[in-house]
Structure formats: structure tokens, C-alpha cells
Amino acid sequence: MEQDQITTIRQFNREYVQLLGVLDRRVFDTELPFPEARILLMIFEQQSIRPIDVAAALSVDKGYVSRLIRQLEAKQFVKKSAVCSGWSEQVIAIDVSWRCVGPTD
């Protein structure tokens, strides 16, 4: 596939997703938007996983996954391994002290 075709498809996807409001939706009436919830579920299912593997499994840009993981870290849902040589080698796991995600009133 040519680069201009890829660019056109990505632009269409961004506009369509924005139009539908998919990324703004909250999951099961919680504070988590869909993309964060999807990544959190993947981490939970795998027990621990490298961010690069999350990006590959979801076919999502690595930079976008990195930003979402930082948001999950800020909310204290996940922790990244401290010892690593780079982003691709970090391991993320559910923060054992995480609070329950419940409905937002």
C-alpha cells in the first residue's frame, strides 16, 4: 500500500471516529474512556505486558499507546517496570494498590 493511501485512510478514520464520538465514550459508566479501558483490560488479561506488544496487538500507534499508558499510570491503575533499556522493553502491570473502577455518579 502506498504512503498516500495510508495517510488518506488514517485521516478518514480520525474524522469518522471523531464524528461518532467513539473515543469520548466512557466504558460501563466509569471514568475510563474506551481506549484506556481496552488497554487496561489487555494488561489485566496478560498480567504483565510490554507497551510495544499492546500497540501491536491493538494495531495502534506506539506514541498513542504510550500516552494512554501514562494516563493510566497517573490514575494509578498500572505501573511500569523501573529497570529497562527502553520503551520497547518496559513491562506494564496492574498496580496492586489500584482502586476499584466503579460508576461515576
C-alpha atoms as a PDB file:
ATOM      1  CA  MET A   1       0.000   0.000   0.000  1.00  0.00           C
ATOM      2  CA  GLU A   2       1.297   3.442  -0.898  1.00  0.00           C
ATOM      3  CA  GLN A   3       2.019   6.037   1.807  1.00  0.00           C
ATOM      4  CA  ASP A   4      -0.579   8.468   0.405  1.00  0.00           C
ATOM      5  CA  GLN A   5      -3.248   5.740   0.597  1.00  0.00           C
ATOM      6  CA  ILE A   6      -2.303   5.041   4.215  1.00  0.00           C
ATOM      7  CA  THR A   7      -2.472   8.758   5.012  1.00  0.00           C
ATOM      8  CA  THR A   8      -5.917   9.028   3.395  1.00  0.00           C
ATOM      9  CA  ILE A   9      -7.239   6.027   5.338  1.00  0.00           C
ATOM     10  CA  ARG A  10      -5.862   7.336   8.632  1.00  0.00           C
ATOM     11  CA  GLN A  11      -7.411  10.758   8.031  1.00  0.00           C
ATOM     12  CA  PHE A  12     -10.761   9.156   7.240  1.00  0.00           C
ATOM     13  CA  ASN A  13     -10.545   7.019  10.392  1.00  0.00           C
ATOM     14  CA  ARG A  14      -9.736  10.032  12.579  1.00  0.00           C
ATOM     15  CA  GLU A  15     -12.636  12.041  11.178  1.00  0.00           C
ATOM     16  CA  TYR A  16     -15.077   9.124  11.422  1.00  0.00           C
ATOM     17  CA  VAL A  17     -14.058   8.253  14.983  1.00  0.00           C
ATOM     18  CA  GLN A  18     -14.388  11.899  15.992  1.00  0.00           C
ATOM     19  CA  LEU A  19     -17.792  12.159  14.302  1.00  0.00           C
ATOM     20  CA  LEU A  20     -19.066   9.102  16.149  1.00  0.00           C
ATOM     21  CA  GLY A  21     -17.515  10.231  19.418  1.00  0.00           C
ATOM     22  CA  VAL A  22     -16.125   6.739  19.974  1.00  0.00           C
ATOM     23  CA  LEU A  23     -13.027   7.876  21.837  1.00  0.00           C
ATOM     24  CA  ASP A  24     -15.056  10.125  24.128  1.00  0.00           C
ATOM     25  CA  ARG A  25     -17.358   7.402  25.360  1.00  0.00           C
ATOM     26  CA  ARG A  26     -16.977   6.133  28.862  1.00  0.00           C
ATOM     27  CA  VAL A  27     -16.925   2.404  29.462  1.00  0.00           C
ATOM     28  CA  PHE A  28     -19.694   0.953  31.588  1.00  0.00           C
ATOM     29  CA  ASP A  29     -20.375   4.343  33.153  1.00  0.00           C
ATOM     30  CA  THR A  30     -16.867   4.629  34.638  1.00  0.00           C
ATOM     31  CA  GLU A  31     -14.284   7.373  34.442  1.00  0.00           C
ATOM     32  CA  LEU A  32     -12.334   5.483  31.758  1.00  0.00           C
ATOM     33  CA  PRO A  33     -12.631   6.338  28.083  1.00  0.00           C
ATOM     34  CA  PHE A  34     -12.792   3.342  25.758  1.00  0.00           C
ATOM     35  CA  PRO A  35      -9.117   3.343  24.655  1.00  0.00           C
ATOM     36  CA  GLU A  36      -7.837   3.403  28.247  1.00  0.00           C
ATOM     37  CA  ALA A  37     -10.282   0.685  29.280  1.00  0.00           C
ATOM     38  CA  ARG A  38      -9.238  -1.518  26.360  1.00  0.00           C
ATOM     39  CA  ILE A  39      -5.566  -1.234  27.268  1.00  0.00           C
ATOM     40  CA  LEU A  40      -6.306  -1.825  30.959  1.00  0.00           C
ATOM     41  CA  LEU A  41      -8.252  -4.960  30.069  1.00  0.00           C
ATOM     42  CA  MET A  42      -5.376  -6.231  27.939  1.00  0.00           C
ATOM     43  CA  ILE A  43      -2.882  -5.637  30.769  1.00  0.00           C
ATOM     44  CA  PHE A  44      -5.206  -7.363  33.224  1.00  0.00           C
ATOM     45  CA  GLU A  45      -5.636 -10.389  30.948  1.00  0.00           C
ATOM     46  CA  GLN A  46      -1.885 -10.732  30.339  1.00  0.00           C
ATOM     47  CA  GLN A  47      -0.872  -9.976  33.962  1.00  0.00           C
ATOM     48  CA  SER A  48       2.048  -8.004  32.542  1.00  0.00           C
ATOM     49  CA  ILE A  49       2.857  -6.952  29.004  1.00  0.00           C
ATOM     50  CA  ARG A  50       5.247  -4.704  27.126  1.00  0.00           C
ATOM     51  CA  PRO A  51       3.734  -1.484  25.760  1.00  0.00           C
ATOM     52  CA  ILE A  52       5.087  -2.338  22.314  1.00  0.00           C
ATOM     53  CA  ASP A  53       3.086  -5.597  22.428  1.00  0.00           C
ATOM     54  CA  VAL A  54      -0.066  -3.678  23.375  1.00  0.00           C
ATOM     55  CA  ALA A  55       0.437  -1.390  20.369  1.00  0.00           C
ATOM     56  CA  ALA A  56       0.999  -4.356  18.060  1.00  0.00           C
ATOM     57  CA  ALA A  57      -1.967  -6.362  19.377  1.00  0.00           C
ATOM     58  CA  LEU A  58      -4.346  -3.423  19.003  1.00  0.00           C
ATOM     59  CA  SER A  59      -2.773  -2.157  15.756  1.00  0.00           C
ATOM     60  CA  VAL A  60      -2.428   1.271  17.342  1.00  0.00           C
ATOM     61  CA  ASP A  61       0.346   3.844  17.065  1.00  0.00           C
ATOM     62  CA  LYS A  62       3.063   3.328  19.704  1.00  0.00           C
ATOM     63  CA  GLY A  63       3.030   7.005  20.662  1.00  0.00           C
ATOM     64  CA  TYR A  64      -0.712   6.903  21.283  1.00  0.00           C
ATOM     65  CA  VAL A  65      -0.381   3.765  23.422  1.00  0.00           C
ATOM     66  CA  SER A  66       2.425   5.426  25.363  1.00  0.00           C
ATOM     67  CA  ARG A  67       0.235   8.456  26.132  1.00  0.00           C
ATOM     68  CA  LEU A  68      -2.654   6.231  27.229  1.00  0.00           C
ATOM     69  CA  ILE A  69      -0.387   4.187  29.484  1.00  0.00           C
ATOM     70  CA  ARG A  70       0.944   7.402  31.075  1.00  0.00           C
ATOM     71  CA  GLN A  71      -2.666   8.412  31.745  1.00  0.00           C
ATOM     72  CA  LEU A  72      -3.354   5.029  33.350  1.00  0.00           C
ATOM     73  CA  GLU A  73      -0.198   5.450  35.441  1.00  0.00           C
ATOM     74  CA  ALA A  74      -1.331   8.898  36.574  1.00  0.00           C
ATOM     75  CA  LYS A  75      -4.641   7.361  37.673  1.00  0.00           C
ATOM     76  CA  GLN A  76      -2.622   4.669  39.492  1.00  0.00           C
ATOM     77  CA  PHE A  77      -4.138   1.768  37.562  1.00  0.00           C
ATOM     78  CA  VAL A  78      -0.848   0.462  36.160  1.00  0.00           C
ATOM     79  CA  LYS A  79       2.852   0.556  36.917  1.00  0.00           C
ATOM     80  CA  LYS A  80       5.765   0.322  34.515  1.00  0.00           C
ATOM     81  CA  SER A  81       8.864  -1.651  35.337  1.00  0.00           C
ATOM     82  CA  ALA A  82      11.669   0.504  36.666  1.00  0.00           C
ATOM     83  CA  VAL A  83      14.515  -1.449  35.112  1.00  0.00           C
ATOM     84  CA  CYS A  84      14.544  -1.314  31.349  1.00  0.00           C
ATOM     85  CA  SER A  85      16.682  -0.289  28.434  1.00  0.00           C
ATOM     86  CA  GLY A  86      13.936   1.497  26.536  1.00  0.00           C
ATOM     87  CA  TRP A  87      10.238   1.823  25.808  1.00  0.00           C
ATOM     88  CA  SER A  88      10.057  -1.460  23.941  1.00  0.00           C
ATOM     89  CA  GLU A  89      11.498  -3.383  26.885  1.00  0.00           C
ATOM     90  CA  GLN A  90       9.376  -1.888  29.670  1.00  0.00           C
ATOM     91  CA  VAL A  91       6.778  -4.126  31.217  1.00  0.00           C
ATOM     92  CA  ILE A  92       3.483  -2.769  32.493  1.00  0.00           C
ATOM     93  CA  ALA A  93       1.269  -4.479  35.015  1.00  0.00           C
ATOM     94  CA  ILE A  94      -1.819  -3.744  37.060  1.00  0.00           C
ATOM     95  CA  ASP A  95      -0.964  -1.643  40.105  1.00  0.00           C
ATOM     96  CA  VAL A  96      -1.782  -3.866  43.079  1.00  0.00           C
ATOM     97  CA  SER A  97      -2.941  -0.838  45.036  1.00  0.00           C
ATOM     98  CA  TRP A  98      -5.404   0.238  42.353  1.00  0.00           C
ATOM     99  CA  ARG A  99      -8.836   1.295  43.397  1.00  0.00           C
ATOM    100  CA  CYS A 100     -11.989  -0.245  42.031  1.00  0.00           C
ATOM    101  CA  VAL A 101     -13.333   1.363  38.883  1.00  0.00           C
ATOM    102  CA  GLY A 102     -16.983   1.966  39.547  1.00  0.00           C
ATOM    103  CA  PRO A 103     -19.839   4.008  38.151  1.00  0.00           C
ATOM    104  CA  THR A 104     -19.406   7.763  38.205  1.00  0.00           C
ATOM    105  CA  ASP A 105     -22.362   9.409  39.873  1.00  0.00           C
END
